[in-house]
Amino acid sequence: MSGKHDEERQETLDQFGEAVNMTAGELEKWLKTDESREVGQKDGGGESTGHASGRRIVELLRTRKADLGDGDLAHMRKVSGYVRRHVEQRPEGDVTDTRWRYSLMNWGHDPGK
């Protein structure tokens, strides 16, 4: 009975692994920068949704796969979907110093890698 659940879990882990190409250390360092804090939609509390997600991604990357719960997997699916949609909106030209890249990096994906 758990076969389908295991398959879905593995698919989530695989998609998250493809979407998130930054290490926990790289992401943690990035989240401390002004550029990281300046992009994304703010929820009124000052921190953007992406920045908060980035902090959660650092935790997820440091959690053993066996210890990931349903809430963790749901956030991983959210991250994978966001990265996939955002990558498709890539602007023309050099994206090195763009808000587009910075937003993606908050979600653990550096398109410059």
N, C-alpha and C. Protein backbone atom coordinates (compact mmCIF):
# COMPACT_ATOMS: atom_id res chain seq x y z
N MET A 1 0.81 -1.20 0.00
CA MET A 1 0.00 0.00 0.00
C MET A 1 0.86 1.26 0.00
N SER A 2 2.02 1.20 0.60
CA SER A 2 2.86 2.40 0.68
C SER A 2 3.68 2.63 -0.59
N GLY A 3 3.56 1.76 -1.57
CA GLY A 3 4.34 1.89 -2.80
C GLY A 3 4.12 3.21 -3.51
N LYS A 4 2.84 3.60 -3.67
CA LYS A 4 2.51 4.86 -4.35
C LYS A 4 3.02 6.06 -3.53
N HIS A 5 2.85 5.98 -2.21
CA HIS A 5 3.33 7.05 -1.33
C HIS A 5 4.85 7.18 -1.45
N ASP A 6 5.54 6.06 -1.49
CA ASP A 6 7.01 6.08 -1.61
C ASP A 6 7.43 6.68 -2.94
N GLU A 7 6.68 6.33 -4.00
CA GLU A 7 6.98 6.88 -5.33
C GLU A 7 6.80 8.39 -5.35
N GLU A 8 5.69 8.86 -4.78
CA GLU A 8 5.41 10.31 -4.75
C GLU A 8 6.47 11.03 -3.92
N ARG A 9 6.86 10.42 -2.81
CA ARG A 9 7.88 11.00 -1.94
C ARG A 9 9.20 11.14 -2.71
N GLN A 10 9.58 10.07 -3.42
CA GLN A 10 10.83 10.10 -4.17
C GLN A 10 10.78 11.11 -5.30
N GLU A 11 9.62 11.21 -5.95
CA GLU A 11 9.46 12.19 -7.03
C GLU A 11 9.63 13.61 -6.49
N THR A 12 9.05 13.88 -5.32
CA THR A 12 9.18 15.18 -4.67
C THR A 12 10.64 15.47 -4.36
N LEU A 13 11.34 14.49 -3.79
CA LEU A 13 12.75 14.65 -3.45
C LEU A 13 13.59 14.90 -4.70
N ASP A 14 13.29 14.18 -5.78
CA ASP A 14 14.04 14.35 -7.03
C ASP A 14 13.82 15.74 -7.62
N GLN A 15 12.56 16.18 -7.66
CA GLN A 15 12.25 17.49 -8.24
C GLN A 15 12.88 18.61 -7.40
N PHE A 16 12.84 18.46 -6.09
CA PHE A 16 13.45 19.44 -5.20
C PHE A 16 14.96 19.47 -5.44
N GLY A 17 15.56 18.30 -5.61
CA GLY A 17 17.00 18.21 -5.86
C GLY A 17 17.41 18.87 -7.16
N GLU A 18 16.52 18.81 -8.16
CA GLU A 18 16.80 19.46 -9.45
C GLU A 18 16.61 20.98 -9.33
N ALA A 19 15.60 21.40 -8.58
CA ALA A 19 15.28 22.82 -8.46
C ALA A 19 16.31 23.56 -7.61
N VAL A 20 16.69 22.95 -6.51
CA VAL A 20 17.60 23.60 -5.55
C VAL A 20 19.04 23.19 -5.88
N ASN A 21 19.79 24.13 -6.47
CA ASN A 21 21.17 23.80 -6.86
C ASN A 21 22.20 24.51 -5.98
N MET A 22 21.72 25.13 -4.90
CA MET A 22 22.63 25.77 -3.95
C MET A 22 22.75 24.87 -2.72
N THR A 23 23.91 24.86 -2.09
CA THR A 23 24.07 24.10 -0.86
C THR A 23 23.46 24.89 0.29
N ALA A 24 23.25 24.23 1.40
CA ALA A 24 22.71 24.92 2.59
C ALA A 24 23.62 26.09 2.96
N GLY A 25 24.93 25.87 2.93
CA GLY A 25 25.88 26.93 3.27
C GLY A 25 25.83 28.11 2.32
N GLU A 26 25.74 27.82 1.01
CA GLU A 26 25.66 28.90 0.01
C GLU A 26 24.38 29.70 0.20
N LEU A 27 23.28 29.00 0.42
CA LEU A 27 21.99 29.67 0.58
C LEU A 27 21.97 30.50 1.86
N GLU A 28 22.49 29.96 2.94
CA GLU A 28 22.53 30.66 4.21
C GLU A 28 23.33 31.97 4.08
N LYS A 29 24.46 31.89 3.41
CA LYS A 29 25.31 33.07 3.19
C LYS A 29 24.57 34.10 2.33
N TRP A 30 23.91 33.63 1.26
CA TRP A 30 23.15 34.51 0.37
C TRP A 30 22.04 35.23 1.12
N LEU A 31 21.31 34.52 2.00
CA LEU A 31 20.17 35.09 2.70
C LEU A 31 20.58 36.24 3.63
N LYS A 32 21.87 36.34 3.95
CA LYS A 32 22.35 37.42 4.81
C LYS A 32 22.66 38.70 4.03
N THR A 33 22.59 38.65 2.70
CA THR A 33 22.93 39.81 1.88
C THR A 33 21.75 40.78 1.76
N ASP A 34 22.08 42.04 1.50
CA ASP A 34 21.04 43.05 1.28
C ASP A 34 20.21 42.71 0.04
N GLU A 35 20.89 42.22 -1.01
CA GLU A 35 20.20 41.89 -2.26
C GLU A 35 19.11 40.84 -2.01
N SER A 36 19.42 39.89 -1.18
CA SER A 36 18.47 38.83 -0.86
C SER A 36 17.24 39.40 -0.16
N ARG A 37 17.46 40.35 0.73
CA ARG A 37 16.35 40.91 1.52
C ARG A 37 15.51 41.90 0.72
N GLU A 38 16.05 42.44 -0.37
CA GLU A 38 15.36 43.49 -1.11
C GLU A 38 14.37 42.97 -2.15
N VAL A 39 14.43 41.70 -2.48
CA VAL A 39 13.55 41.18 -3.54
C VAL A 39 12.41 40.35 -2.95
N GLY A 40 11.38 40.19 -3.77
CA GLY A 40 10.27 39.32 -3.40
C GLY A 40 9.12 40.08 -2.79
N GLN A 41 7.99 39.38 -2.69
CA GLN A 41 6.77 39.98 -2.15
C GLN A 41 6.81 39.92 -0.63
N LYS A 42 6.59 41.06 -0.02
CA LYS A 42 6.58 41.16 1.43
C LYS A 42 5.17 40.84 1.94
N ASP A 43 5.11 40.16 3.06
CA ASP A 43 3.80 39.80 3.61
C ASP A 43 3.35 40.79 4.69
N GLY A 44 3.96 41.95 4.72
CA GLY A 44 3.59 42.95 5.70
C GLY A 44 4.53 42.95 6.90
N GLY A 45 5.15 41.82 7.17
CA GLY A 45 6.05 41.71 8.30
C GLY A 45 7.47 42.13 7.98
N GLY A 46 7.73 42.48 6.75
CA GLY A 46 9.06 42.93 6.38
C GLY A 46 9.87 41.90 5.63
N GLU A 47 9.69 40.62 5.94
CA GLU A 47 10.45 39.58 5.24
C GLU A 47 9.63 39.08 4.05
N SER A 48 10.29 38.92 2.91
CA SER A 48 9.56 38.42 1.74
C SER A 48 9.27 36.93 1.88
N THR A 49 8.28 36.49 1.13
CA THR A 49 7.90 35.08 1.11
C THR A 49 9.10 34.22 0.70
N GLY A 50 9.84 34.68 -0.32
CA GLY A 50 10.99 33.92 -0.80
C GLY A 50 12.11 33.83 0.22
N HIS A 51 12.33 34.93 0.95
CA HIS A 51 13.40 34.93 1.96
C HIS A 51 13.05 33.95 3.08
N ALA A 52 11.79 33.96 3.51
CA ALA A 52 11.33 33.02 4.54
C ALA A 52 11.45 31.59 4.02
N SER A 53 11.09 31.40 2.75
CA SER A 53 11.21 30.07 2.13
C SER A 53 12.66 29.62 2.11
N GLY A 54 13.56 30.56 1.82
CA GLY A 54 14.98 30.23 1.78
C GLY A 54 15.48 29.70 3.11
N ARG A 55 15.02 30.32 4.19
CA ARG A 55 15.43 29.84 5.52
C ARG A 55 14.90 28.43 5.76
N ARG A 56 13.69 28.17 5.30
CA ARG A 56 13.10 26.83 5.44
C ARG A 56 13.88 25.82 4.57
N ILE A 57 14.29 26.23 3.38
CA ILE A 57 15.05 25.35 2.49
C ILE A 57 16.38 24.96 3.13
N VAL A 58 17.03 25.91 3.79
CA VAL A 58 18.29 25.59 4.49
C VAL A 58 18.04 24.46 5.49
N GLU A 59 16.94 24.58 6.25
CA GLU A 59 16.60 23.53 7.22
C GLU A 59 16.35 22.20 6.51
N LEU A 60 15.61 22.24 5.41
CA LEU A 60 15.29 21.02 4.67
C LEU A 60 16.55 20.34 4.14
N LEU A 61 17.49 21.15 3.64
CA LEU A 61 18.72 20.59 3.11
C LEU A 61 19.56 19.93 4.20
N ARG A 62 19.38 20.38 5.42
CA ARG A 62 20.16 19.84 6.54
C ARG A 62 19.42 18.72 7.27
N THR A 63 18.22 18.39 6.82
CA THR A 63 17.43 17.33 7.45
C THR A 63 17.65 16.02 6.70
N ARG A 64 17.81 14.95 7.47
CA ARG A 64 17.94 13.63 6.83
C ARG A 64 16.65 13.32 6.09
N LYS A 65 16.77 12.74 4.90
CA LYS A 65 15.59 12.44 4.08
C LYS A 65 14.55 11.64 4.86
N ALA A 66 15.02 10.69 5.67
CA ALA A 66 14.11 9.84 6.43
C ALA A 66 13.30 10.63 7.46
N ASP A 67 13.80 11.79 7.87
CA ASP A 67 13.14 12.58 8.91
C ASP A 67 12.19 13.65 8.33
N LEU A 68 12.06 13.71 7.02
CA LEU A 68 11.19 14.71 6.39
C LEU A 68 9.73 14.30 6.53
N GLY A 69 8.91 15.22 7.05
CA GLY A 69 7.48 14.94 7.21
C GLY A 69 6.67 15.47 6.04
N ASP A 70 5.36 15.29 6.14
CA ASP A 70 4.46 15.72 5.06
C ASP A 70 4.53 17.22 4.81
N GLY A 71 4.64 18.02 5.88
CA GLY A 71 4.75 19.47 5.73
C GLY A 71 6.03 19.85 5.00
N ASP A 72 7.10 19.13 5.29
CA ASP A 72 8.38 19.38 4.60
C ASP A 72 8.25 19.07 3.12
N LEU A 73 7.63 17.93 2.82
CA LEU A 73 7.46 17.53 1.42
C LEU A 73 6.56 18.51 0.68
N ALA A 74 5.54 19.03 1.36
CA ALA A 74 4.66 20.01 0.73
C ALA A 74 5.45 21.27 0.38
N HIS A 75 6.33 21.71 1.29
CA HIS A 75 7.13 22.90 0.99
C HIS A 75 8.11 22.61 -0.15
N MET A 76 8.65 21.42 -0.18
CA MET A 76 9.56 21.04 -1.27
C MET A 76 8.85 21.10 -2.62
N ARG A 77 7.58 20.66 -2.65
CA ARG A 77 6.81 20.74 -3.90
C ARG A 77 6.57 22.19 -4.28
N LYS A 78 6.28 23.04 -3.30
CA LYS A 78 6.07 24.46 -3.54
C LYS A 78 7.33 25.09 -4.14
N VAL A 79 8.48 24.76 -3.57
CA VAL A 79 9.77 25.28 -4.05
C VAL A 79 10.00 24.85 -5.49
N SER A 80 9.81 23.56 -5.77
CA SER A 80 10.04 23.03 -7.12
C SER A 80 9.15 23.74 -8.14
N GLY A 81 7.89 23.95 -7.78
CA GLY A 81 6.95 24.62 -8.69
C GLY A 81 7.33 26.06 -8.93
N TYR A 82 7.71 26.76 -7.85
CA TYR A 82 8.11 28.17 -7.98
C TYR A 82 9.32 28.29 -8.90
N VAL A 83 10.33 27.48 -8.65
CA VAL A 83 11.56 27.55 -9.45
C VAL A 83 11.25 27.25 -10.91
N ARG A 84 10.46 26.21 -11.16
CA ARG A 84 10.13 25.84 -12.55
C ARG A 84 9.43 27.00 -13.26
N ARG A 85 8.44 27.61 -12.61
CA ARG A 85 7.70 28.72 -13.23
C ARG A 85 8.60 29.95 -13.43
N HIS A 86 9.40 30.25 -12.43
CA HIS A 86 10.23 31.47 -12.47
C HIS A 86 11.34 31.36 -13.51
N VAL A 87 11.91 30.17 -13.67
CA VAL A 87 12.98 29.95 -14.66
C VAL A 87 12.45 30.24 -16.06
N GLU A 88 11.18 29.90 -16.31
CA GLU A 88 10.58 30.12 -17.63
C GLU A 88 10.43 31.61 -17.95
N GLN A 89 10.49 32.48 -16.93
CA GLN A 89 10.33 33.92 -17.13
C GLN A 89 11.67 34.63 -17.25
N ARG A 90 12.71 33.89 -17.58
CA ARG A 90 14.06 34.46 -17.66
C ARG A 90 14.09 35.69 -18.58
N PRO A 91 14.61 36.81 -18.07
CA PRO A 91 14.71 38.01 -18.92
C PRO A 91 15.84 37.87 -19.94
N GLU A 92 15.82 38.75 -20.92
CA GLU A 92 16.87 38.76 -21.94
C GLU A 92 18.19 39.25 -21.35
N GLY A 93 19.28 38.83 -21.98
CA GLY A 93 20.59 39.38 -21.64
C GLY A 93 21.21 38.78 -20.39
N ASP A 94 22.16 39.49 -19.84
CA ASP A 94 22.92 39.06 -18.67
C ASP A 94 22.03 39.17 -17.43
N VAL A 95 21.84 38.06 -16.74
CA VAL A 95 20.94 38.07 -15.58
C VAL A 95 21.69 38.13 -14.25
N THR A 96 23.02 38.31 -14.30
CA THR A 96 23.84 38.25 -13.09
C THR A 96 23.33 39.13 -11.97
N ASP A 97 23.07 40.40 -12.24
CA ASP A 97 22.65 41.34 -11.20
C ASP A 97 21.20 41.75 -11.35
N THR A 98 20.31 40.77 -11.52
CA THR A 98 18.90 41.08 -11.72
C THR A 98 18.08 40.62 -10.52
N ARG A 99 16.96 41.33 -10.31
CA ARG A 99 16.02 40.91 -9.26
C ARG A 99 15.50 39.51 -9.56
N TRP A 100 15.36 39.16 -10.84
CA TRP A 100 14.89 37.83 -11.24
C TRP A 100 15.81 36.75 -10.64
N ARG A 101 17.12 36.94 -10.83
CA ARG A 101 18.08 35.96 -10.30
C ARG A 101 18.06 35.96 -8.78
N TYR A 102 18.00 37.13 -8.17
CA TYR A 102 18.03 37.20 -6.71
C TYR A 102 16.81 36.51 -6.11
N SER A 103 15.65 36.68 -6.75
CA SER A 103 14.44 36.00 -6.26
C SER A 103 14.61 34.50 -6.32
N LEU A 104 15.13 34.02 -7.44
CA LEU A 104 15.35 32.57 -7.58
C LEU A 104 16.34 32.07 -6.53
N MET A 105 17.37 32.85 -6.27
CA MET A 105 18.37 32.43 -5.29
C MET A 105 17.77 32.33 -3.89
N ASN A 106 16.79 33.18 -3.57
CA ASN A 106 16.09 33.07 -2.29
C ASN A 106 15.40 31.72 -2.16
N TRP A 107 15.02 31.15 -3.31
CA TRP A 107 14.35 29.86 -3.33
C TRP A 107 15.34 28.71 -3.56
N GLY A 108 16.64 29.01 -3.45
CA GLY A 108 17.66 27.96 -3.50
C GLY A 108 18.17 27.61 -4.88
N HIS A 109 17.78 28.40 -5.89
CA HIS A 109 18.20 28.11 -7.27
C HIS A 109 19.02 29.27 -7.81
N ASP A 110 20.27 29.00 -8.15
CA ASP A 110 21.10 30.03 -8.78
C ASP A 110 21.22 29.73 -10.25
N PRO A 111 20.54 30.51 -11.10
CA PRO A 111 20.57 30.25 -12.55
C PRO A 111 21.96 30.49 -13.14
N GLY A 112 22.85 31.11 -12.37
CA GLY A 112 24.21 31.34 -12.85
C GLY A 112 25.12 30.14 -12.66
N LYS A 113 24.61 29.10 -12.01
CA LYS A 113 25.43 27.90 -11.76
C LYS A 113 25.42 26.98 -12.96
